[in-house]
Amino acid sequence: MSERYEYVPHRLLQRRVRDVVSGGEGILMAVINENVSDDLTEQWMELAYIRGASGREFTTAATNVEPAPDQP
């Protein structure tokens, strides 16, 4: 089995973003390509880590991330 994760470059890193699914907003801290499988079959997914106003981070699929409405 290969590594469980790797960092991915993203154009919105360190910018204010919005998760289109939950509506949550915050700063995009990282996008990580993670093996989310719990068995021998690998299943990779790009997860965005967003730090909300409370300081707590949440994740969503990287495809769900867009600039926050107040960002160009």
PDB file of N, CA and C in Angstrom:
ATOM      1  N   MET A   1       0.857  -1.173   0.000  1.00  0.00           N
ATOM      2  CA  MET A   1       0.000   0.000   0.000  1.00  0.00           C
ATOM      3  C   MET A   1       0.908   1.241   0.000  1.00  0.00           C
ATOM      4  N   SER A   2       0.562   2.234  -0.775  1.00  0.00           N
ATOM      5  CA  SER A   2       1.385   3.440  -0.863  1.00  0.00           C
ATOM      6  C   SER A   2       1.056   4.401   0.270  1.00  0.00           C
ATOM      7  N   GLU A   3       1.658   5.582   0.217  1.00  0.00           N
ATOM      8  CA  GLU A   3       1.405   6.596   1.241  1.00  0.00           C
ATOM      9  C   GLU A   3      -0.090   6.844   1.406  1.00  0.00           C
ATOM     10  N   ARG A   4      -0.493   7.261   2.589  1.00  0.00           N
ATOM     11  CA  ARG A   4      -1.908   7.506   2.884  1.00  0.00           C
ATOM     12  C   ARG A   4      -2.353   8.900   2.478  1.00  0.00           C
ATOM     13  N   TYR A   5      -1.411   9.815   2.175  1.00  0.00           N
ATOM     14  CA  TYR A   5      -1.802  11.161   1.791  1.00  0.00           C
ATOM     15  C   TYR A   5      -0.663  11.873   1.069  1.00  0.00           C
ATOM     16  N   GLU A   6      -1.017  12.944   0.345  1.00  0.00           N
ATOM     17  CA  GLU A   6      -0.043  13.852  -0.242  1.00  0.00           C
ATOM     18  C   GLU A   6      -0.695  15.218  -0.426  1.00  0.00           C
ATOM     19  N   TYR A   7       0.087  16.274  -0.190  1.00  0.00           N
ATOM     20  CA  TYR A   7      -0.420  17.636  -0.340  1.00  0.00           C
ATOM     21  C   TYR A   7      -0.570  17.967  -1.819  1.00  0.00           C
ATOM     22  N   VAL A   8      -1.609  18.745  -2.139  1.00  0.00           N
ATOM     23  CA  VAL A   8      -1.911  19.116  -3.515  1.00  0.00           C
ATOM     24  C   VAL A   8      -1.943  20.644  -3.606  1.00  0.00           C
ATOM     25  N   PRO A   9      -1.292  21.238  -4.622  1.00  0.00           N
ATOM     26  CA  PRO A   9      -1.385  22.688  -4.778  1.00  0.00           C
ATOM     27  C   PRO A   9      -2.823  23.088  -5.141  1.00  0.00           C
ATOM     28  N   HIS A  10      -3.250  24.246  -4.695  1.00  0.00           N
ATOM     29  CA  HIS A  10      -4.601  24.732  -4.994  1.00  0.00           C
ATOM     30  C   HIS A  10      -4.553  26.246  -5.094  1.00  0.00           C
ATOM     31  N   ARG A  11      -5.255  26.811  -6.060  1.00  0.00           N
ATOM     32  CA  ARG A  11      -5.207  28.256  -6.312  1.00  0.00           C
ATOM     33  C   ARG A  11      -5.802  29.086  -5.184  1.00  0.00           C
ATOM     34  N   LEU A  12      -6.611  28.488  -4.319  1.00  0.00           N
ATOM     35  CA  LEU A  12      -7.273  29.233  -3.256  1.00  0.00           C
ATOM     36  C   LEU A  12      -6.644  29.028  -1.874  1.00  0.00           C
ATOM     37  N   LEU A  13      -5.489  28.392  -1.810  1.00  0.00           N
ATOM     38  CA  LEU A  13      -4.830  28.187  -0.514  1.00  0.00           C
ATOM     39  C   LEU A  13      -4.615  29.524   0.194  1.00  0.00           C
ATOM     40  N   GLN A  14      -4.875  29.536   1.495  1.00  0.00           N
ATOM     41  CA  GLN A  14      -4.720  30.707   2.356  1.00  0.00           C
ATOM     42  C   GLN A  14      -5.675  31.846   1.995  1.00  0.00           C
ATOM     43  N   ARG A  15      -6.752  31.523   1.286  1.00  0.00           N
ATOM     44  CA  ARG A  15      -7.768  32.524   0.946  1.00  0.00           C
ATOM     45  C   ARG A  15      -9.090  32.115   1.568  1.00  0.00           C
ATOM     46  N   ARG A  16      -9.986  33.078   1.693  1.00  0.00           N
ATOM     47  CA  ARG A  16     -11.312  32.815   2.247  1.00  0.00           C
ATOM     48  C   ARG A  16     -12.146  32.080   1.198  1.00  0.00           C
ATOM     49  N   VAL A  17     -12.718  30.930   1.616  1.00  0.00           N
ATOM     50  CA  VAL A  17     -13.482  30.087   0.697  1.00  0.00           C
ATOM     51  C   VAL A  17     -14.820  29.694   1.323  1.00  0.00           C
ATOM     52  N   ARG A  18     -15.650  29.091   0.498  1.00  0.00           N
ATOM     53  CA  ARG A  18     -16.966  28.613   0.926  1.00  0.00           C
ATOM     54  C   ARG A  18     -17.132  27.177   0.454  1.00  0.00           C
ATOM     55  N   ASP A  19     -17.667  26.338   1.326  1.00  0.00           N
ATOM     56  CA  ASP A  19     -18.026  24.966   0.973  1.00  0.00           C
ATOM     57  C   ASP A  19     -19.440  25.028   0.403  1.00  0.00           C
ATOM     58  N   VAL A  20     -19.614  24.692  -0.872  1.00  0.00           N
ATOM     59  CA  VAL A  20     -20.924  24.829  -1.514  1.00  0.00           C
ATOM     60  C   VAL A  20     -21.958  23.864  -0.951  1.00  0.00           C
ATOM     61  N   VAL A  21     -21.526  22.777  -0.326  1.00  0.00           N
ATOM     62  CA  VAL A  21     -22.471  21.804   0.226  1.00  0.00           C
ATOM     63  C   VAL A  21     -23.030  22.267   1.568  1.00  0.00           C
ATOM     64  N   SER A  22     -22.149  22.628   2.494  1.00  0.00           N
ATOM     65  CA  SER A  22     -22.599  23.005   3.843  1.00  0.00           C
ATOM     66  C   SER A  22     -22.838  24.500   3.995  1.00  0.00           C
ATOM     67  N   GLY A  23     -22.259  25.304   3.106  1.00  0.00           N
ATOM     68  CA  GLY A  23     -22.344  26.752   3.244  1.00  0.00           C
ATOM     69  C   GLY A  23     -21.313  27.310   4.201  1.00  0.00           C
ATOM     70  N   GLY A  24     -20.508  26.432   4.814  1.00  0.00           N
ATOM     71  CA  GLY A  24     -19.480  26.873   5.747  1.00  0.00           C
ATOM     72  C   GLY A  24     -18.398  27.670   5.050  1.00  0.00           C
ATOM     73  N   GLU A  25     -17.875  28.680   5.747  1.00  0.00           N
ATOM     74  CA  GLU A  25     -16.821  29.520   5.190  1.00  0.00           C
ATOM     75  C   GLU A  25     -15.617  29.542   6.115  1.00  0.00           C
ATOM     76  N   GLY A  26     -14.466  29.817   5.529  1.00  0.00           N
ATOM     77  CA  GLY A  26     -13.242  29.927   6.300  1.00  0.00           C
ATOM     78  C   GLY A  26     -12.045  30.046   5.387  1.00  0.00           C
ATOM     79  N   ILE A  27     -10.871  29.849   5.944  1.00  0.00           N
ATOM     80  CA  ILE A  27      -9.612  29.935   5.200  1.00  0.00           C
ATOM     81  C   ILE A  27      -9.202  28.524   4.763  1.00  0.00           C
ATOM     82  N   LEU A  28      -8.901  28.380   3.477  1.00  0.00           N
ATOM     83  CA  LEU A  28      -8.444  27.086   2.961  1.00  0.00           C
ATOM     84  C   LEU A  28      -7.007  26.864   3.419  1.00  0.00           C
ATOM     85  N   MET A  29      -6.825  25.907   4.306  1.00  0.00           N
ATOM     86  CA  MET A  29      -5.519  25.649   4.905  1.00  0.00           C
ATOM     87  C   MET A  29      -4.693  24.652   4.094  1.00  0.00           C
ATOM     88  N   ALA A  30      -5.345  23.657   3.505  1.00  0.00           N
ATOM     89  CA  ALA A  30      -4.623  22.633   2.749  1.00  0.00           C
ATOM     90  C   ALA A  30      -5.602  21.845   1.896  1.00  0.00           C
ATOM     91  N   VAL A  31      -5.072  21.284   0.825  1.00  0.00           N
ATOM     92  CA  VAL A  31      -5.794  20.279   0.048  1.00  0.00           C
ATOM     93  C   VAL A  31      -4.891  19.060   0.034  1.00  0.00           C
ATOM     94  N   ILE A  32      -5.441  17.946   0.459  1.00  0.00           N
ATOM     95  CA  ILE A  32      -4.646  16.731   0.600  1.00  0.00           C
ATOM     96  C   ILE A  32      -5.328  15.590  -0.143  1.00  0.00           C
ATOM     97  N   ASN A  33      -4.555  14.908  -0.972  1.00  0.00           N
ATOM     98  CA  ASN A  33      -5.025  13.718  -1.661  1.00  0.00           C
ATOM     99  C   ASN A  33      -4.845  12.562  -0.684  1.00  0.00           C
ATOM    100  N   GLU A  34      -5.954  12.074  -0.147  1.00  0.00           N
ATOM    101  CA  GLU A  34      -5.895  11.065   0.913  1.00  0.00           C
ATOM    102  C   GLU A  34      -6.481   9.738   0.453  1.00  0.00           C
ATOM    103  N   ASN A  35      -5.867   8.682   0.927  1.00  0.00           N
ATOM    104  CA  ASN A  35      -6.422   7.354   0.753  1.00  0.00           C
ATOM    105  C   ASN A  35      -7.457   7.171   1.864  1.00  0.00           C
ATOM    106  N   VAL A  36      -8.722   7.246   1.516  1.00  0.00           N
ATOM    107  CA  VAL A  36      -9.788   7.205   2.511  1.00  0.00           C
ATOM    108  C   VAL A  36     -10.348   5.804   2.727  1.00  0.00           C
ATOM    109  N   SER A  37      -9.735   4.830   2.115  1.00  0.00           N
ATOM    110  CA  SER A  37     -10.196   3.451   2.242  1.00  0.00           C
ATOM    111  C   SER A  37      -9.787   2.866   3.587  1.00  0.00           C
ATOM    112  N   ASP A  38     -10.622   1.997   4.121  1.00  0.00           N
ATOM    113  CA  ASP A  38     -10.266   1.307   5.359  1.00  0.00           C
ATOM    114  C   ASP A  38      -9.997  -0.178   5.121  1.00  0.00           C
ATOM    115  N   ASP A  39      -9.829  -0.537   3.840  1.00  0.00           N
ATOM    116  CA  ASP A  39      -9.459  -1.920   3.527  1.00  0.00           C
ATOM    117  C   ASP A  39      -8.287  -1.912   2.546  1.00  0.00           C
ATOM    118  N   LEU A  40      -8.012  -3.013   1.885  1.00  0.00           N
ATOM    119  CA  LEU A  40      -6.854  -3.116   1.000  1.00  0.00           C
ATOM    120  C   LEU A  40      -7.049  -2.424  -0.342  1.00  0.00           C
ATOM    121  N   THR A  41      -8.266  -2.116  -0.717  1.00  0.00           N
ATOM    122  CA  THR A  41      -8.544  -1.425  -1.969  1.00  0.00           C
ATOM    123  C   THR A  41      -8.373   0.077  -1.749  1.00  0.00           C
ATOM    124  N   GLU A  42      -7.435   0.679  -2.462  1.00  0.00           N
ATOM    125  CA  GLU A  42      -7.191   2.099  -2.286  1.00  0.00           C
ATOM    126  C   GLU A  42      -8.295   2.933  -2.913  1.00  0.00           C
ATOM    127  N   GLN A  43      -8.697   3.959  -2.217  1.00  0.00           N
ATOM    128  CA  GLN A  43      -9.681   4.909  -2.730  1.00  0.00           C
ATOM    129  C   GLN A  43      -9.171   6.303  -2.366  1.00  0.00           C
ATOM    130  N   TRP A  44      -8.718   7.046  -3.368  1.00  0.00           N
ATOM    131  CA  TRP A  44      -8.105   8.348  -3.151  1.00  0.00           C
ATOM    132  C   TRP A  44      -9.113   9.453  -3.385  1.00  0.00           C
ATOM    133  N   MET A  45      -9.018  10.499  -2.564  1.00  0.00           N
ATOM    134  CA  MET A  45      -9.934  11.619  -2.666  1.00  0.00           C
ATOM    135  C   MET A  45      -9.189  12.892  -2.261  1.00  0.00           C
ATOM    136  N   GLU A  46      -9.410  13.972  -2.998  1.00  0.00           N
ATOM    137  CA  GLU A  46      -8.818  15.255  -2.628  1.00  0.00           C
ATOM    138  C   GLU A  46      -9.734  15.943  -1.630  1.00  0.00           C
ATOM    139  N   LEU A  47      -9.240  16.095  -0.394  1.00  0.00           N
ATOM    140  CA  LEU A  47     -10.001  16.737   0.675  1.00  0.00           C
ATOM    141  C   LEU A  47      -9.450  18.124   0.947  1.00  0.00           C
ATOM    142  N   ALA A  48     -10.353  19.090   1.073  1.00  0.00           N
ATOM    143  CA  ALA A  48      -9.981  20.457   1.431  1.00  0.00           C
ATOM    144  C   ALA A  48     -10.170  20.624   2.930  1.00  0.00           C
ATOM    145  N   TYR A  49      -9.168  21.188   3.582  1.00  0.00           N
ATOM    146  CA  TYR A  49      -9.228  21.495   5.009  1.00  0.00           C
ATOM    147  C   TYR A  49      -9.458  22.988   5.157  1.00  0.00           C
ATOM    148  N   ILE A  50     -10.600  23.353   5.725  1.00  0.00           N
ATOM    149  CA  ILE A  50     -11.002  24.753   5.862  1.00  0.00           C
ATOM    150  C   ILE A  50     -11.084  25.097   7.340  1.00  0.00           C
ATOM    151  N   ARG A  51     -10.429  26.193   7.733  1.00  0.00           N
ATOM    152  CA  ARG A  51     -10.468  26.648   9.125  1.00  0.00           C
ATOM    153  C   ARG A  51     -11.540  27.725   9.248  1.00  0.00           C
ATOM    154  N   GLY A  52     -12.593  27.412   9.999  1.00  0.00           N
ATOM    155  CA  GLY A  52     -13.701  28.329  10.199  1.00  0.00           C
ATOM    156  C   GLY A  52     -13.361  29.426  11.195  1.00  0.00           C
ATOM    157  N   ALA A  53     -14.298  30.346  11.394  1.00  0.00           N
ATOM    158  CA  ALA A  53     -14.096  31.488  12.293  1.00  0.00           C
ATOM    159  C   ALA A  53     -13.812  31.051  13.729  1.00  0.00           C
ATOM    160  N   SER A  54     -14.325  29.888  14.124  1.00  0.00           N
ATOM    161  CA  SER A  54     -14.112  29.387  15.484  1.00  0.00           C
ATOM    162  C   SER A  54     -12.692  28.854  15.688  1.00  0.00           C
ATOM    163  N   GLY A  55     -11.954  28.682  14.592  1.00  0.00           N
ATOM    164  CA  GLY A  55     -10.615  28.101  14.672  1.00  0.00           C
ATOM    165  C   GLY A  55     -10.612  26.611  14.428  1.00  0.00           C
ATOM    166  N   ARG A  56     -11.771  26.016  14.384  1.00  0.00           N
ATOM    167  CA  ARG A  56     -11.894  24.578  14.140  1.00  0.00           C
ATOM    168  C   ARG A  56     -11.919  24.319  12.640  1.00  0.00           C
ATOM    169  N   GLU A  57     -11.186  23.290  12.218  1.00  0.00           N
ATOM    170  CA  GLU A  57     -11.145  22.949  10.795  1.00  0.00           C
ATOM    171  C   GLU A  57     -12.190  21.897  10.460  1.00  0.00           C
ATOM    172  N   PHE A  58     -12.690  21.994   9.233  1.00  0.00           N
ATOM    173  CA  PHE A  58     -13.593  20.975   8.712  1.00  0.00           C
ATOM    174  C   PHE A  58     -13.132  20.603   7.313  1.00  0.00           C
ATOM    175  N   THR A  59     -13.577  19.453   6.853  1.00  0.00           N
ATOM    176  CA  THR A  59     -13.163  18.989   5.533  1.00  0.00           C
ATOM    177  C   THR A  59     -14.359  18.889   4.601  1.00  0.00           C
ATOM    178  N   THR A  60     -14.050  18.969   3.323  1.00  0.00           N
ATOM    179  CA  THR A  60     -15.014  18.750   2.261  1.00  0.00           C
ATOM    180  C   THR A  60     -14.232  18.320   1.035  1.00  0.00           C
ATOM    181  N   ALA A  61     -14.917  17.801   0.048  1.00  0.00           N
ATOM    182  CA  ALA A  61     -14.248  17.462  -1.205  1.00  0.00           C
ATOM    183  C   ALA A  61     -13.700  18.744  -1.822  1.00  0.00           C
ATOM    184  N   ALA A  62     -12.509  18.677  -2.377  1.00  0.00           N
ATOM    185  CA  ALA A  62     -11.892  19.866  -2.965  1.00  0.00           C
ATOM    186  C   ALA A  62     -12.757  20.453  -4.075  1.00  0.00           C
ATOM    187  N   THR A  63     -13.543  19.642  -4.729  1.00  0.00           N
ATOM    188  CA  THR A  63     -14.421  20.136  -5.801  1.00  0.00           C
ATOM    189  C   THR A  63     -15.572  20.968  -5.257  1.00  0.00           C
ATOM    190  N   ASN A  64     -15.813  20.929  -3.953  1.00  0.00           N
ATOM    191  CA  ASN A  64     -16.897  21.707  -3.332  1.00  0.00           C
ATOM    192  C   ASN A  64     -16.454  23.095  -2.890  1.00  0.00           C
ATOM    193  N   VAL A  65     -15.201  23.456  -3.123  1.00  0.00           N
ATOM    194  CA  VAL A  65     -14.650  24.717  -2.632  1.00  0.00           C
ATOM    195  C   VAL A  65     -14.716  25.783  -3.715  1.00  0.00           C
ATOM    196  N   GLU A  66     -15.197  26.970  -3.315  1.00  0.00           N
ATOM    197  CA  GLU A  66     -15.220  28.117  -4.217  1.00  0.00           C
ATOM    198  C   GLU A  66     -14.815  29.349  -3.409  1.00  0.00           C
ATOM    199  N   PRO A  67     -14.388  30.428  -4.086  1.00  0.00           N
ATOM    200  CA  PRO A  67     -14.061  31.640  -3.339  1.00  0.00           C
ATOM    201  C   PRO A  67     -15.283  32.114  -2.555  1.00  0.00           C
ATOM    202  N   ALA A  68     -15.059  32.630  -1.355  1.00  0.00           N
ATOM    203  CA  ALA A  68     -16.166  33.178  -0.562  1.00  0.00           C
ATOM    204  C   ALA A  68     -16.746  34.378  -1.311  1.00  0.00           C
ATOM    205  N   PRO A  69     -18.031  34.688  -1.089  1.00  0.00           N
ATOM    206  CA  PRO A  69     -18.671  35.773  -1.832  1.00  0.00           C
ATOM    207  C   PRO A  69     -17.950  37.115  -1.744  1.00  0.00           C
ATOM    208  N   ASP A  70     -17.231  37.373  -0.650  1.00  0.00           N
ATOM    209  CA  ASP A  70     -16.538  38.654  -0.510  1.00  0.00           C
ATOM    210  C   ASP A  70     -15.151  38.646  -1.164  1.00  0.00           C
ATOM    211  N   GLN A  71     -14.784  37.551  -1.843  1.00  0.00           N
ATOM    212  CA  GLN A  71     -13.476  37.429  -2.495  1.00  0.00           C
ATOM    213  C   GLN A  71     -13.635  37.571  -4.008  1.00  0.00           C
ATOM    214  N   PRO A  72     -12.631  38.161  -4.677  1.00  0.00           N
ATOM    215  CA  PRO A  72     -12.695  38.294  -6.139  1.00  0.00           C
ATOM    216  C   PRO A  72     -12.485  36.963  -6.833  1.00  0.00           C
TER     217      PRO A  72
END
